[in-house]
Amino acid sequence: MVTLKADNKRRVAIPDIKPGQVFAFEDNGDGSYTLIKVKAERKEPFPPGSLRKYFDRKRDAEMSAIAKAMPLPPLPEDY
């Protein structure tokens, strides 16, 4: 059994773990704690093809025409 001491920020360095590993913390109620290693599953924020529904060539052409027709405001003199 290894004895560990918490620092002033209540952190404990556990040997043999890698940065980024995720643990579930459980208070047993009798003054002991249990850490259970869990697999951190990360989904891709935007899987391939998921944003395609937001792009439409016809709508994009209309928006480009509107943007080209709008005059730009003059820049401030202190720019």
PDB file of N, CA and C in Angstrom:
ATOM      1  N   MET A   1       0.855  -1.173   0.000  1.00  0.00           N
ATOM      2  CA  MET A   1       0.000   0.000   0.000  1.00  0.00           C
ATOM      3  C   MET A   1       0.898   1.232   0.000  1.00  0.00           C
ATOM      4  N   VAL A   2       0.519   2.227  -0.809  1.00  0.00           N
ATOM      5  CA  VAL A   2       1.274   3.468  -0.909  1.00  0.00           C
ATOM      6  C   VAL A   2       0.513   4.558  -0.170  1.00  0.00           C
ATOM      7  N   THR A   3       1.230   5.371   0.601  1.00  0.00           N
ATOM      8  CA  THR A   3       0.613   6.487   1.306  1.00  0.00           C
ATOM      9  C   THR A   3       0.861   7.759   0.507  1.00  0.00           C
ATOM     10  N   LEU A   4      -0.196   8.529   0.280  1.00  0.00           N
ATOM     11  CA  LEU A   4      -0.105   9.765  -0.477  1.00  0.00           C
ATOM     12  C   LEU A   4      -0.549  10.928   0.405  1.00  0.00           C
ATOM     13  N   LYS A   5       0.016  12.111   0.140  1.00  0.00           N
ATOM     14  CA  LYS A   5      -0.332  13.293   0.919  1.00  0.00           C
ATOM     15  C   LYS A   5      -0.852  14.369  -0.024  1.00  0.00           C
ATOM     16  N   ALA A   6      -1.981  14.994   0.320  1.00  0.00           N
ATOM     17  CA  ALA A   6      -2.562  16.056  -0.502  1.00  0.00           C
ATOM     18  C   ALA A   6      -1.797  17.357  -0.269  1.00  0.00           C
ATOM     19  N   ASP A   7      -1.679  18.166  -1.338  1.00  0.00           N
ATOM     20  CA  ASP A   7      -1.032  19.467  -1.188  1.00  0.00           C
ATOM     21  C   ASP A   7      -2.052  20.495  -0.696  1.00  0.00           C
ATOM     22  N   ASN A   8      -1.650  21.774  -0.648  1.00  0.00           N
ATOM     23  CA  ASN A   8      -2.538  22.797  -0.103  1.00  0.00           C
ATOM     24  C   ASN A   8      -3.746  23.080  -1.000  1.00  0.00           C
ATOM     25  N   LYS A   9      -3.768  22.564  -2.211  1.00  0.00           N
ATOM     26  CA  LYS A   9      -4.919  22.706  -3.108  1.00  0.00           C
ATOM     27  C   LYS A   9      -5.728  21.416  -3.192  1.00  0.00           C
ATOM     28  N   ARG A  10      -5.538  20.516  -2.242  1.00  0.00           N
ATOM     29  CA  ARG A  10      -6.247  19.233  -2.123  1.00  0.00           C
ATOM     30  C   ARG A  10      -6.007  18.317  -3.309  1.00  0.00           C
ATOM     31  N   ARG A  11      -4.811  18.377  -3.882  1.00  0.00           N
ATOM     32  CA  ARG A  11      -4.446  17.510  -5.005  1.00  0.00           C
ATOM     33  C   ARG A  11      -3.551  16.379  -4.510  1.00  0.00           C
ATOM     34  N   VAL A  12      -3.711  15.234  -5.123  1.00  0.00           N
ATOM     35  CA  VAL A  12      -2.902  14.062  -4.804  1.00  0.00           C
ATOM     36  C   VAL A  12      -2.313  13.548  -6.113  1.00  0.00           C
ATOM     37  N   ALA A  13      -1.018  13.304  -6.131  1.00  0.00           N
ATOM     38  CA  ALA A  13      -0.363  12.745  -7.311  1.00  0.00           C
ATOM     39  C   ALA A  13      -0.352  11.230  -7.196  1.00  0.00           C
ATOM     40  N   ILE A  14      -1.022  10.574  -8.116  1.00  0.00           N
ATOM     41  CA  ILE A  14      -1.114   9.118  -8.099  1.00  0.00           C
ATOM     42  C   ILE A  14      -0.082   8.577  -9.076  1.00  0.00           C
ATOM     43  N   PRO A  15       0.818   7.710  -8.610  1.00  0.00           N
ATOM     44  CA  PRO A  15       1.819   7.157  -9.522  1.00  0.00           C
ATOM     45  C   PRO A  15       1.166   6.253 -10.582  1.00  0.00           C
ATOM     46  N   ASP A  16       1.845   6.134 -11.685  1.00  0.00           N
ATOM     47  CA  ASP A  16       1.450   5.222 -12.772  1.00  0.00           C
ATOM     48  C   ASP A  16       0.184   5.622 -13.525  1.00  0.00           C
ATOM     49  N   ILE A  17      -0.261   6.863 -13.418  1.00  0.00           N
ATOM     50  CA  ILE A  17      -1.371   7.291 -14.277  1.00  0.00           C
ATOM     51  C   ILE A  17      -0.817   8.249 -15.319  1.00  0.00           C
ATOM     52  N   LYS A  18      -1.526   8.334 -16.407  1.00  0.00           N
ATOM     53  CA  LYS A  18      -1.106   9.202 -17.506  1.00  0.00           C
ATOM     54  C   LYS A  18      -1.973  10.453 -17.522  1.00  0.00           C
ATOM     55  N   PRO A  19      -1.429  11.571 -17.996  1.00  0.00           N
ATOM     56  CA  PRO A  19      -2.241  12.787 -18.092  1.00  0.00           C
ATOM     57  C   PRO A  19      -3.468  12.561 -18.969  1.00  0.00           C
ATOM     58  N   GLY A  20      -4.589  13.076 -18.535  1.00  0.00           N
ATOM     59  CA  GLY A  20      -5.818  12.954 -19.298  1.00  0.00           C
ATOM     60  C   GLY A  20      -6.673  11.758 -18.942  1.00  0.00           C
ATOM     61  N   GLN A  21      -6.179  10.855 -18.108  1.00  0.00           N
ATOM     62  CA  GLN A  21      -7.004   9.722 -17.703  1.00  0.00           C
ATOM     63  C   GLN A  21      -8.143  10.220 -16.824  1.00  0.00           C
ATOM     64  N   VAL A  22      -9.303   9.579 -16.934  1.00  0.00           N
ATOM     65  CA  VAL A  22     -10.497   9.997 -16.215  1.00  0.00           C
ATOM     66  C   VAL A  22     -10.865   8.935 -15.189  1.00  0.00           C
ATOM     67  N   PHE A  23     -11.228   9.409 -13.994  1.00  0.00           N
ATOM     68  CA  PHE A  23     -11.599   8.512 -12.910  1.00  0.00           C
ATOM     69  C   PHE A  23     -12.941   8.916 -12.334  1.00  0.00           C
ATOM     70  N   ALA A  24     -13.721   7.933 -11.911  1.00  0.00           N
ATOM     71  CA  ALA A  24     -14.950   8.185 -11.166  1.00  0.00           C
ATOM     72  C   ALA A  24     -14.576   8.158  -9.690  1.00  0.00           C
ATOM     73  N   PHE A  25     -15.098   9.115  -8.933  1.00  0.00           N
ATOM     74  CA  PHE A  25     -14.782   9.258  -7.518  1.00  0.00           C
ATOM     75  C   PHE A  25     -15.997   8.846  -6.707  1.00  0.00           C
ATOM     76  N   GLU A  26     -15.772   8.001  -5.690  1.00  0.00           N
ATOM     77  CA  GLU A  26     -16.872   7.540  -4.854  1.00  0.00           C
ATOM     78  C   GLU A  26     -16.472   7.645  -3.382  1.00  0.00           C
ATOM     79  N   ASP A  27     -17.304   8.310  -2.605  1.00  0.00           N
ATOM     80  CA  ASP A  27     -17.092   8.416  -1.163  1.00  0.00           C
ATOM     81  C   ASP A  27     -17.804   7.228  -0.515  1.00  0.00           C
ATOM     82  N   ASN A  28     -17.059   6.385   0.159  1.00  0.00           N
ATOM     83  CA  ASN A  28     -17.637   5.174   0.746  1.00  0.00           C
ATOM     84  C   ASN A  28     -18.387   5.437   2.039  1.00  0.00           C
ATOM     85  N   GLY A  29     -18.246   6.638   2.599  1.00  0.00           N
ATOM     86  CA  GLY A  29     -18.979   6.986   3.804  1.00  0.00           C
ATOM     87  C   GLY A  29     -18.278   6.613   5.098  1.00  0.00           C
ATOM     88  N   ASP A  30     -17.296   5.754   5.017  1.00  0.00           N
ATOM     89  CA  ASP A  30     -16.576   5.345   6.219  1.00  0.00           C
ATOM     90  C   ASP A  30     -15.200   6.004   6.296  1.00  0.00           C
ATOM     91  N   GLY A  31     -15.016   7.075   5.535  1.00  0.00           N
ATOM     92  CA  GLY A  31     -13.727   7.765   5.520  1.00  0.00           C
ATOM     93  C   GLY A  31     -12.798   7.285   4.423  1.00  0.00           C
ATOM     94  N   SER A  32     -13.242   6.335   3.648  1.00  0.00           N
ATOM     95  CA  SER A  32     -12.411   5.858   2.540  1.00  0.00           C
ATOM     96  C   SER A  32     -13.053   6.271   1.221  1.00  0.00           C
ATOM     97  N   TYR A  33     -12.235   6.294   0.187  1.00  0.00           N
ATOM     98  CA  TYR A  33     -12.678   6.715  -1.131  1.00  0.00           C
ATOM     99  C   TYR A  33     -12.271   5.663  -2.154  1.00  0.00           C
ATOM    100  N   THR A  34     -13.025   5.623  -3.235  1.00  0.00           N
ATOM    101  CA  THR A  34     -12.714   4.704  -4.313  1.00  0.00           C
ATOM    102  C   THR A  34     -12.605   5.497  -5.618  1.00  0.00           C
ATOM    103  N   LEU A  35     -11.529   5.258  -6.341  1.00  0.00           N
ATOM    104  CA  LEU A  35     -11.353   5.825  -7.676  1.00  0.00           C
ATOM    105  C   LEU A  35     -11.468   4.690  -8.674  1.00  0.00           C
ATOM    106  N   ILE A  36     -12.310   4.886  -9.673  1.00  0.00           N
ATOM    107  CA  ILE A  36     -12.502   3.867 -10.691  1.00  0.00           C
ATOM    108  C   ILE A  36     -12.147   4.494 -12.034  1.00  0.00           C
ATOM    109  N   LYS A  37     -11.213   3.875 -12.735  1.00  0.00           N
ATOM    110  CA  LYS A  37     -10.806   4.381 -14.037  1.00  0.00           C
ATOM    111  C   LYS A  37     -11.935   4.157 -15.035  1.00  0.00           C
ATOM    112  N   VAL A  38     -12.313   5.232 -15.737  1.00  0.00           N
ATOM    113  CA  VAL A  38     -13.360   5.126 -16.747  1.00  0.00           C
ATOM    114  C   VAL A  38     -12.776   5.529 -18.087  1.00  0.00           C
ATOM    115  N   LYS A  39     -13.334   4.991 -19.136  1.00  0.00           N
ATOM    116  CA  LYS A  39     -12.883   5.323 -20.472  1.00  0.00           C
ATOM    117  C   LYS A  39     -13.579   6.613 -20.891  1.00  0.00           C
ATOM    118  N   ALA A  40     -12.795   7.620 -21.180  1.00  0.00           N
ATOM    119  CA  ALA A  40     -13.347   8.901 -21.608  1.00  0.00           C
ATOM    120  C   ALA A  40     -13.654   8.825 -23.092  1.00  0.00           C
ATOM    121  N   GLU A  41     -14.919   8.814 -23.415  1.00  0.00           N
ATOM    122  CA  GLU A  41     -15.333   8.745 -24.805  1.00  0.00           C
ATOM    123  C   GLU A  41     -15.618  10.153 -25.298  1.00  0.00           C
ATOM    124  N   ARG A  42     -14.992  10.497 -26.402  1.00  0.00           N
ATOM    125  CA  ARG A  42     -15.208  11.817 -26.996  1.00  0.00           C
ATOM    126  C   ARG A  42     -15.778  11.634 -28.385  1.00  0.00           C
ATOM    127  N   LYS A  43     -16.876  12.300 -28.617  1.00  0.00           N
ATOM    128  CA  LYS A  43     -17.459  12.268 -29.952  1.00  0.00           C
ATOM    129  C   LYS A  43     -16.858  13.397 -30.768  1.00  0.00           C
ATOM    130  N   GLU A  44     -16.803  13.185 -32.071  1.00  0.00           N
ATOM    131  CA  GLU A  44     -16.364  14.253 -32.950  1.00  0.00           C
ATOM    132  C   GLU A  44     -17.411  15.353 -32.885  1.00  0.00           C
ATOM    133  N   PRO A  45     -16.993  16.627 -32.729  1.00  0.00           N
ATOM    134  CA  PRO A  45     -17.997  17.683 -32.642  1.00  0.00           C
ATOM    135  C   PRO A  45     -18.825  17.817 -33.920  1.00  0.00           C
ATOM    136  N   PHE A  46     -18.201  17.621 -35.051  1.00  0.00           N
ATOM    137  CA  PHE A  46     -18.903  17.701 -36.325  1.00  0.00           C
ATOM    138  C   PHE A  46     -18.468  16.528 -37.192  1.00  0.00           C
ATOM    139  N   PRO A  47     -19.184  15.408 -37.127  1.00  0.00           N
ATOM    140  CA  PRO A  47     -18.816  14.264 -37.961  1.00  0.00           C
ATOM    141  C   PRO A  47     -18.894  14.636 -39.439  1.00  0.00           C
ATOM    142  N   PRO A  48     -18.134  13.954 -40.278  1.00  0.00           N
ATOM    143  CA  PRO A  48     -18.149  14.260 -41.709  1.00  0.00           C
ATOM    144  C   PRO A  48     -19.572  14.225 -42.277  1.00  0.00           C
ATOM    145  N   GLY A  49     -19.939  15.281 -42.985  1.00  0.00           N
ATOM    146  CA  GLY A  49     -21.255  15.354 -43.617  1.00  0.00           C
ATOM    147  C   GLY A  49     -22.340  15.960 -42.756  1.00  0.00           C
ATOM    148  N   SER A  50     -22.093  16.213 -41.486  1.00  0.00           N
ATOM    149  CA  SER A  50     -23.152  16.703 -40.607  1.00  0.00           C
ATOM    150  C   SER A  50     -23.496  18.166 -40.854  1.00  0.00           C
ATOM    151  N   LEU A  51     -22.582  18.948 -41.422  1.00  0.00           N
ATOM    152  CA  LEU A  51     -22.849  20.362 -41.673  1.00  0.00           C
ATOM    153  C   LEU A  51     -23.357  20.621 -43.087  1.00  0.00           C
ATOM    154  N   ARG A  52     -23.432  19.589 -43.875  1.00  0.00           N
ATOM    155  CA  ARG A  52     -23.830  19.751 -45.272  1.00  0.00           C
ATOM    156  C   ARG A  52     -25.228  20.355 -45.399  1.00  0.00           C
ATOM    157  N   LYS A  53     -26.099  20.076 -44.441  1.00  0.00           N
ATOM    158  CA  LYS A  53     -27.473  20.586 -44.523  1.00  0.00           C
ATOM    159  C   LYS A  53     -27.532  22.111 -44.388  1.00  0.00           C
ATOM    160  N   TYR A  54     -26.469  22.727 -43.887  1.00  0.00           N
ATOM    161  CA  TYR A  54     -26.453  24.176 -43.726  1.00  0.00           C
ATOM    162  C   TYR A  54     -25.917  24.914 -44.946  1.00  0.00           C
ATOM    163  N   PHE A  55     -25.448  24.204 -45.942  1.00  0.00           N
ATOM    164  CA  PHE A  55     -24.888  24.824 -47.127  1.00  0.00           C
ATOM    165  C   PHE A  55     -25.742  24.474 -48.338  1.00  0.00           C
ATOM    166  N   ASP A  56     -26.128  25.502 -49.044  1.00  0.00           N
ATOM    167  CA  ASP A  56     -26.963  25.341 -50.222  1.00  0.00           C
ATOM    168  C   ASP A  56     -26.441  26.319 -51.269  1.00  0.00           C
ATOM    169  N   ARG A  57     -26.082  25.836 -52.441  1.00  0.00           N
ATOM    170  CA  ARG A  57     -25.467  26.698 -53.459  1.00  0.00           C
ATOM    171  C   ARG A  57     -26.394  27.849 -53.860  1.00  0.00           C
ATOM    172  N   LYS A  58     -27.690  27.574 -53.983  1.00  0.00           N
ATOM    173  CA  LYS A  58     -28.621  28.620 -54.393  1.00  0.00           C
ATOM    174  C   LYS A  58     -28.708  29.710 -53.322  1.00  0.00           C
ATOM    175  N   ARG A  59     -28.884  29.303 -52.079  1.00  0.00           N
ATOM    176  CA  ARG A  59     -28.972  30.279 -50.995  1.00  0.00           C
ATOM    177  C   ARG A  59     -27.666  31.045 -50.838  1.00  0.00           C
ATOM    178  N   ASP A  60     -26.535  30.350 -50.962  1.00  0.00           N
ATOM    179  CA  ASP A  60     -25.239  31.012 -50.849  1.00  0.00           C
ATOM    180  C   ASP A  60     -25.054  32.042 -51.961  1.00  0.00           C
ATOM    181  N   ALA A  61     -25.523  31.747 -53.162  1.00  0.00           N
ATOM    182  CA  ALA A  61     -25.421  32.700 -54.265  1.00  0.00           C
ATOM    183  C   ALA A  61     -26.289  33.925 -53.982  1.00  0.00           C
ATOM    184  N   GLU A  62     -27.490  33.713 -53.439  1.00  0.00           N
ATOM    185  CA  GLU A  62     -28.369  34.833 -53.089  1.00  0.00           C
ATOM    186  C   GLU A  62     -27.731  35.717 -52.016  1.00  0.00           C
ATOM    187  N   MET A  63     -27.146  35.091 -50.979  1.00  0.00           N
ATOM    188  CA  MET A  63     -26.517  35.850 -49.896  1.00  0.00           C
ATOM    189  C   MET A  63     -25.306  36.624 -50.408  1.00  0.00           C
ATOM    190  N   SER A  64     -24.558  36.056 -51.330  1.00  0.00           N
ATOM    191  CA  SER A  64     -23.404  36.747 -51.906  1.00  0.00           C
ATOM    192  C   SER A  64     -23.861  37.955 -52.710  1.00  0.00           C
ATOM    193  N   ALA A  65     -24.954  37.807 -53.474  1.00  0.00           N
ATOM    194  CA  ALA A  65     -25.480  38.926 -54.254  1.00  0.00           C
ATOM    195  C   ALA A  65     -25.948  40.052 -53.336  1.00  0.00           C
ATOM    196  N   ILE A  66     -26.608  39.715 -52.259  1.00  0.00           N
ATOM    197  CA  ILE A  66     -27.077  40.725 -51.301  1.00  0.00           C
ATOM    198  C   ILE A  66     -25.885  41.429 -50.662  1.00  0.00           C
ATOM    199  N   ALA A  67     -24.870  40.677 -50.288  1.00  0.00           N
ATOM    200  CA  ALA A  67     -23.695  41.262 -49.634  1.00  0.00           C
ATOM    201  C   ALA A  67     -22.943  42.193 -50.585  1.00  0.00           C
ATOM    202  N   LYS A  68     -22.865  41.824 -51.861  1.00  0.00           N
ATOM    203  CA  LYS A  68     -22.167  42.671 -52.832  1.00  0.00           C
ATOM    204  C   LYS A  68     -22.935  43.962 -53.095  1.00  0.00           C
ATOM    205  N   ALA A  69     -24.261  43.921 -53.003  1.00  0.00           N
ATOM    206  CA  ALA A  69     -25.094  45.096 -53.262  1.00  0.00           C
ATOM    207  C   ALA A  69     -25.079  46.087 -52.100  1.00  0.00           C
ATOM    208  N   MET A  70     -24.733  45.650 -50.909  1.00  0.00           N
ATOM    209  CA  MET A  70     -24.744  46.531 -49.735  1.00  0.00           C
ATOM    210  C   MET A  70     -23.476  47.379 -49.702  1.00  0.00           C
ATOM    211  N   PRO A  71     -23.633  48.701 -49.572  1.00  0.00           N
ATOM    212  CA  PRO A  71     -22.441  49.545 -49.478  1.00  0.00           C
ATOM    213  C   PRO A  71     -21.777  49.380 -48.101  1.00  0.00           C
ATOM    214  N   LEU A  72     -20.465  49.493 -48.082  1.00  0.00           N
ATOM    215  CA  LEU A  72     -19.734  49.406 -46.819  1.00  0.00           C
ATOM    216  C   LEU A  72     -19.730  50.767 -46.146  1.00  0.00           C
ATOM    217  N   PRO A  73     -19.890  50.821 -44.826  1.00  0.00           N
ATOM    218  CA  PRO A  73     -19.837  52.112 -44.129  1.00  0.00           C
ATOM    219  C   PRO A  73     -18.410  52.649 -44.161  1.00  0.00           C
ATOM    220  N   PRO A  74     -18.248  53.980 -44.132  1.00  0.00           N
ATOM    221  CA  PRO A  74     -16.892  54.534 -44.146  1.00  0.00           C
ATOM    222  C   PRO A  74     -16.156  54.201 -42.845  1.00  0.00           C
ATOM    223  N   LEU A  75     -14.857  54.053 -42.952  1.00  0.00           N
ATOM    224  CA  LEU A  75     -14.046  53.767 -41.771  1.00  0.00           C
ATOM    225  C   LEU A  75     -13.884  55.029 -40.942  1.00  0.00           C
ATOM    226  N   PRO A  76     -13.812  54.919 -39.624  1.00  0.00           N
ATOM    227  CA  PRO A  76     -13.572  56.101 -38.792  1.00  0.00           C
ATOM    228  C   PRO A  76     -12.205  56.685 -39.079  1.00  0.00           C
ATOM    229  N   GLU A  77     -12.059  57.977 -38.828  1.00  0.00           N
ATOM    230  CA  GLU A  77     -10.804  58.658 -39.166  1.00  0.00           C
ATOM    231  C   GLU A  77      -9.646  58.193 -38.300  1.00  0.00           C
ATOM    232  N   ASP A  78      -9.914  57.740 -37.095  1.00  0.00           N
ATOM    233  CA  ASP A  78      -8.819  57.296 -36.208  1.00  0.00           C
ATOM    234  C   ASP A  78      -8.482  55.821 -36.396  1.00  0.00           C
ATOM    235  N   TYR A  79      -8.939  55.213 -37.477  1.00  0.00           N
ATOM    236  CA  TYR A  79      -8.672  53.799 -37.733  1.00  0.00           C
ATOM    237  C   TYR A  79      -7.281  53.592 -38.219  1.00  0.00           C
TER     238      TYR A  79
END
